[in-house]
Protein backbone atom coordinates (compact mmCIF):
# COMPACT_ATOMS: atom_id res chain seq x y z
CA MET A 1 -8.60 -3.03 -12.77
CA TYR A 2 -10.94 -5.82 -13.98
CA ILE A 3 -10.79 -7.84 -10.89
CA THR A 4 -11.50 -6.68 -7.08
CA LYS A 5 -10.63 -7.84 -3.77
CA GLU A 6 -14.24 -9.15 -3.27
CA ILE A 7 -13.83 -11.46 -6.88
CA LYS A 8 -10.40 -12.66 -5.83
CA GLU A 9 -11.86 -13.54 -2.30
CA ASP A 10 -14.73 -15.49 -3.80
CA ILE A 11 -12.41 -17.41 -6.14
CA PHE A 12 -10.08 -18.27 -3.18
CA LYS A 13 -12.84 -19.35 -1.08
CA LYS A 14 -14.49 -21.69 -3.81
CA TYR A 15 -11.44 -23.13 -4.92
CA GLY A 16 -8.99 -22.76 -2.19
CA LYS A 17 -9.47 -24.06 1.33
CA SER A 18 -10.06 -20.26 2.92
CA LYS A 19 -10.61 -16.78 1.44
CA SER A 20 -7.54 -15.79 3.16
CA ASN A 21 -5.14 -19.00 1.87
CA THR A 22 -4.22 -17.30 -1.44
CA GLY A 23 -1.30 -19.79 -1.83
CA SER A 24 -2.98 -22.94 -2.35
CA THR A 25 -2.40 -24.67 -5.63
CA GLU A 26 -6.21 -24.84 -6.58
CA GLY A 27 -6.91 -21.17 -5.67
CA GLN A 28 -3.91 -20.18 -7.80
CA ILE A 29 -5.15 -22.25 -10.86
CA ALA A 30 -8.58 -20.68 -10.71
CA LEU A 31 -7.26 -17.26 -10.35
CA PHE A 32 -4.90 -17.86 -13.55
CA SER A 33 -7.82 -19.13 -15.41
CA ASN A 34 -10.04 -16.23 -14.48
CA ARG A 35 -7.39 -14.00 -15.85
CA ILE A 36 -6.55 -16.12 -18.82
CA ASN A 37 -10.13 -15.83 -19.97
CA HIS A 38 -10.39 -12.16 -19.58
CA LEU A 39 -7.48 -11.63 -21.43
CA SER A 40 -8.55 -14.13 -24.27
CA ASN A 41 -11.89 -12.12 -24.51
CA HIS A 42 -9.60 -8.98 -24.75
CA LEU A 43 -7.64 -10.60 -27.71
CA LYS A 44 -10.80 -11.21 -29.42
CA LYS A 45 -11.66 -7.55 -29.85
CA ASN A 46 -8.24 -6.22 -30.10
CA LYS A 47 -6.12 -8.68 -32.41
CA LYS A 48 -3.03 -6.74 -32.74
CA ASP A 49 -2.58 -6.23 -28.98
CA PHE A 50 1.07 -8.25 -28.67
CA ASN A 51 1.84 -7.22 -25.36
CA THR A 52 -1.25 -8.90 -24.01
CA GLU A 53 -0.82 -12.07 -26.03
CA ARG A 54 2.88 -12.18 -24.50
CA ALA A 55 1.08 -11.88 -21.18
CA LEU A 56 -1.47 -14.77 -22.06
CA VAL A 57 1.21 -17.06 -23.22
CA SER A 58 3.28 -16.41 -19.88
CA LEU A 59 -0.02 -17.10 -17.68
CA VAL A 60 -0.91 -20.26 -19.43
CA GLY A 61 2.79 -21.45 -18.97
CA LYS A 62 2.28 -20.66 -15.24
CA ARG A 63 -1.12 -22.37 -14.99
CA ARG A 64 0.28 -25.66 -17.05
CA ASN A 65 3.14 -25.63 -14.19
CA LEU A 66 0.74 -25.67 -11.27
CA LEU A 67 -1.34 -28.17 -12.89
CA ASP A 68 1.63 -30.27 -13.46
CA TYR A 69 2.67 -29.88 -9.76
CA LEU A 70 -1.04 -30.67 -8.71
CA LYS A 71 -1.10 -33.81 -10.74
CA SER A 72 2.07 -35.24 -9.40
CA LYS A 73 0.83 -34.46 -5.54
CA ASP A 74 -2.71 -35.42 -5.91
CA ILE A 75 -4.32 -36.92 -8.92
CA GLU A 76 -8.00 -36.50 -7.60
CA LYS A 77 -7.28 -32.77 -7.07
CA TYR A 78 -6.26 -32.40 -10.13
CA ARG A 79 -9.00 -34.03 -12.01
CA SER A 80 -11.79 -32.28 -10.06
CA ILE A 81 -10.04 -29.01 -10.90
CA ILE A 82 -10.07 -29.49 -14.39
CA LYS A 83 -13.35 -30.61 -14.20
CA GLU A 84 -14.74 -27.82 -12.47
CA LEU A 85 -12.87 -25.04 -14.58
CA LYS A 86 -13.42 -26.80 -17.73
CA ILE A 87 -9.73 -26.80 -18.88
CA ARG A 88 -8.67 -29.08 -22.11
CA LYS A 89 -5.35 -31.07 -21.24
């Protein structure tokens, strides 16, 4: 697997509240962004991998839903996470 336990802990420690708080919205968005970047790089090399393309579209939709939820709950956290992860709206 491309992502190890240590990398996940680092993501949740940086964007979530702690490394064990894996359910935080910010941590989930950061984890999805990491996976989206990995799949995007894979698809640049393997243009005909349609199953991965489908998974990528699904992940983008999940991340979008989480971002919409965060925007409705706390607009400042939403703006900061978009700026940190360099996500386009």
